[in-house]
Amino acid sequence: MTTAFTIGVSLLAVLGWSAPHAGAATDQIRQTPWEGLSVIVGQKVRVVMPDGARIEGKVTGLESDALAVEIAKTSNKAAYPKGQFLVPRATLRALDMVVPSTWRWRIAGVAAGAVVGTACGIVAVDSIKNDPPGATFAGFGGAALAMPVLGYFLGRAADRRAITYVITP
């Protein structure tokens, strides 16, 4: 039974290592002039401001000297409160457009987690036969329930995509 557990843990480790890298491989970098940013109006973006603060929100418009963003998340609430904000053209060099996520890696993560969880469940049941019930059963039983959840979160990380727009002068 230990072999099944070892194989299951190995599968989840491979999934955990490869899933975020698979998602990152599809990120794109595009160079565009200021006027080319009109394609991101209505999209969710992440912008790092010159002072290092990070803002996230929906682009509501493109003006000749600023990008209008409806801020939903901010790392500096005092300088960049939630609501409408104009990001000055002179300070904006690049931004990330958040692409709606897919579901493929989440399903793969849950499936791999279920396989590992089943292996943990088999080890937990086997531990009842060989050892007095207690810590071993609880540990592997908890792992059997937690593995699909862990697989889901690994898959969700792999499903996230972004397109980086670098603004050319």
Protein backbone atom coordinates (compact mmCIF):
# COMPACT_ATOMS: atom_id res chain seq x y z
CA MET A 1 0.00 0.00 0.00
CA THR A 2 2.91 2.35 0.60
CA THR A 3 3.81 2.09 -3.08
CA ALA A 4 0.39 3.45 -4.10
CA PHE A 5 0.83 6.32 -1.67
CA THR A 6 4.31 7.10 -2.99
CA ILE A 7 3.08 7.09 -6.59
CA GLY A 8 0.16 9.35 -5.67
CA VAL A 9 2.33 11.86 -3.86
CA SER A 10 4.74 11.85 -6.81
CA LEU A 11 1.90 12.56 -9.23
CA LEU A 12 0.68 15.49 -7.16
CA ALA A 13 4.22 16.85 -6.86
CA VAL A 14 4.62 16.73 -10.64
CA LEU A 15 1.26 18.45 -11.07
CA GLY A 16 2.21 21.09 -8.53
CA TRP A 17 5.48 21.77 -10.30
CA SER A 18 4.14 21.77 -13.86
CA ALA A 19 0.73 23.45 -13.57
CA PRO A 20 1.87 26.99 -12.70
CA HIS A 21 4.65 26.75 -15.28
CA ALA A 22 2.20 25.63 -17.94
CA GLY A 23 0.00 28.65 -17.22
CA ALA A 24 2.95 31.03 -17.23
CA ALA A 25 4.13 29.74 -20.60
CA THR A 26 1.07 31.21 -22.30
CA ASP A 27 1.49 34.75 -20.96
CA GLN A 28 2.13 37.20 -23.78
CA ILE A 29 4.01 40.45 -24.11
CA ARG A 30 2.76 42.92 -26.71
CA GLN A 31 4.24 46.26 -27.67
CA THR A 32 1.75 48.93 -28.61
CA PRO A 33 1.60 52.68 -29.08
CA TRP A 34 -0.60 54.71 -26.71
CA GLU A 35 -3.48 54.74 -29.21
CA GLY A 36 -3.32 50.93 -29.40
CA LEU A 37 -4.49 50.70 -25.79
CA SER A 38 -8.04 51.34 -26.98
CA VAL A 39 -8.44 47.55 -27.30
CA ILE A 40 -8.26 47.16 -23.51
CA VAL A 41 -11.16 49.52 -22.72
CA GLY A 42 -13.63 47.47 -20.69
CA GLN A 43 -10.99 44.93 -19.61
CA LYS A 44 -9.50 44.23 -16.17
CA VAL A 45 -5.91 45.44 -15.77
CA ARG A 46 -3.08 45.50 -13.21
CA VAL A 47 -0.80 48.54 -13.11
CA VAL A 48 2.29 49.13 -10.99
CA MET A 49 2.54 52.83 -10.25
CA PRO A 50 5.91 54.69 -10.13
CA ASP A 51 5.92 54.62 -6.31
CA GLY A 52 5.58 50.82 -6.34
CA ALA A 53 1.88 50.67 -5.46
CA ARG A 54 -0.19 48.17 -7.41
CA ILE A 55 -3.69 48.93 -8.63
CA GLU A 56 -6.19 46.61 -10.26
CA GLY A 57 -9.43 47.51 -11.94
CA LYS A 58 -11.41 47.94 -15.12
CA VAL A 59 -10.33 50.33 -17.85
CA THR A 60 -13.18 52.77 -18.48
CA GLY A 61 -11.57 54.96 -21.10
CA LEU A 62 -8.46 56.13 -22.92
CA GLU A 63 -7.71 59.82 -23.06
CA SER A 64 -4.86 61.57 -24.85
CA ASP A 65 -2.93 62.11 -21.62
CA ALA A 66 -4.27 59.42 -19.23
CA LEU A 67 -5.79 55.97 -18.88
CA ALA A 68 -9.08 55.97 -16.94
CA VAL A 69 -9.31 53.04 -14.51
CA GLU A 70 -12.06 52.12 -12.05
CA ILE A 71 -9.89 50.85 -9.19
CA ALA A 72 -11.20 47.70 -7.47
CA LYS A 73 -8.02 46.65 -5.60
CA THR A 74 -5.08 48.72 -4.44
CA SER A 75 -1.98 48.17 -2.37
CA ASN A 76 -1.93 51.82 -1.19
CA LYS A 77 -5.43 52.93 -0.22
CA ALA A 78 -4.28 56.38 0.84
CA ALA A 79 -2.68 57.32 -2.48
CA TYR A 80 -4.97 55.28 -4.77
CA PRO A 81 -8.42 54.81 -3.20
CA LYS A 82 -11.07 52.66 -4.83
CA GLY A 83 -13.04 54.44 -7.52
CA GLN A 84 -12.30 56.33 -10.72
CA PHE A 85 -8.61 57.19 -11.28
CA LEU A 86 -6.63 58.62 -14.19
CA VAL A 87 -3.25 56.97 -14.68
CA PRO A 88 -1.02 59.65 -16.28
CA ARG A 89 0.41 58.74 -19.67
CA ALA A 90 3.87 59.99 -18.65
CA THR A 91 4.12 57.45 -15.80
CA LEU A 92 2.61 54.43 -17.57
CA ARG A 93 5.21 52.20 -19.25
CA ALA A 94 3.48 48.82 -19.08
CA LEU A 95 0.34 47.15 -17.75
CA ASP A 96 -1.07 43.64 -17.48
CA MET A 97 -4.47 42.82 -18.92
CA VAL A 98 -6.09 39.98 -16.99
CA VAL A 99 -7.49 37.39 -19.38
CA PRO A 100 -10.53 35.46 -18.15
CA SER A 101 -9.34 32.15 -16.71
CA THR A 102 -10.02 28.73 -18.13
CA TRP A 103 -11.13 25.59 -16.32
CA ARG A 104 -8.85 22.90 -17.78
CA TRP A 105 -6.08 22.91 -15.18
CA ARG A 106 -8.58 23.06 -12.31
CA ILE A 107 -10.21 19.85 -13.53
CA ALA A 108 -6.81 18.20 -14.00
CA GLY A 109 -5.74 19.34 -10.52
CA VAL A 110 -8.87 17.98 -8.85
CA ALA A 111 -8.50 14.67 -10.74
CA ALA A 112 -4.85 14.29 -9.74
CA GLY A 113 -5.73 15.28 -6.18
CA ALA A 114 -8.48 12.66 -6.14
CA VAL A 115 -6.00 9.99 -7.25
CA VAL A 116 -3.55 11.00 -4.51
CA GLY A 117 -6.42 11.28 -2.01
CA THR A 118 -7.58 7.78 -2.90
CA ALA A 119 -4.06 6.48 -2.30
CA CYS A 120 -4.02 8.25 1.07
CA GLY A 121 -7.42 6.74 1.88
CA ILE A 122 -6.15 3.26 1.07
CA VAL A 123 -3.17 3.81 3.36
CA ALA A 124 -5.53 5.11 6.07
CA VAL A 125 -7.74 2.03 5.85
CA ASP A 126 -4.68 -0.22 5.85
CA SER A 127 -3.39 1.53 8.97
CA ILE A 128 -6.54 0.53 10.86
CA LYS A 129 -5.76 -3.15 10.20
CA ASN A 130 -2.10 -2.93 11.22
CA ASP A 131 -1.99 -0.25 13.92
CA PRO A 132 -4.34 0.86 16.62
CA PRO A 133 -6.69 3.47 15.21
CA GLY A 134 -5.58 7.00 15.81
CA ALA A 135 -2.95 9.32 14.48
CA THR A 136 -2.04 7.40 11.33
CA PHE A 137 -5.68 7.03 10.28
CA ALA A 138 -6.45 10.67 11.03
CA GLY A 139 -3.38 11.90 9.16
CA PHE A 140 -3.96 9.93 5.99
CA GLY A 141 -7.74 10.41 6.20
CA GLY A 142 -7.23 14.17 6.36
CA ALA A 143 -4.82 14.00 3.44
CA ALA A 144 -7.40 12.03 1.45
CA LEU A 145 -9.84 14.91 1.84
CA ALA A 146 -7.29 17.70 1.38
CA MET A 147 -5.60 16.47 -1.81
CA PRO A 148 -8.44 17.31 -4.25
CA VAL A 149 -8.72 20.76 -2.66
CA LEU A 150 -4.98 21.30 -3.04
CA GLY A 151 -5.22 20.10 -6.65
CA TYR A 152 -7.98 22.63 -7.31
CA PHE A 153 -5.89 25.54 -6.02
CA LEU A 154 -2.84 24.43 -8.02
CA GLY A 155 -5.03 24.19 -11.12
CA ARG A 156 -6.53 27.61 -10.47
CA ALA A 157 -3.05 29.13 -10.35
CA ALA A 158 -2.25 27.52 -13.69
CA ASP A 159 -5.48 28.77 -15.27
CA ARG A 160 -4.69 32.44 -14.69
CA ARG A 161 -3.43 34.31 -17.73
CA ALA A 162 -2.26 37.86 -18.42
CA ILE A 163 -1.18 39.85 -21.45
CA THR A 164 1.48 42.47 -20.77
CA TYR A 165 1.20 45.60 -22.86
CA VAL A 166 4.44 47.58 -23.14
CA ILE A 167 3.75 51.11 -24.34
CA THR A 168 6.10 52.31 -27.07
CA PRO A 169 6.90 56.00 -27.39
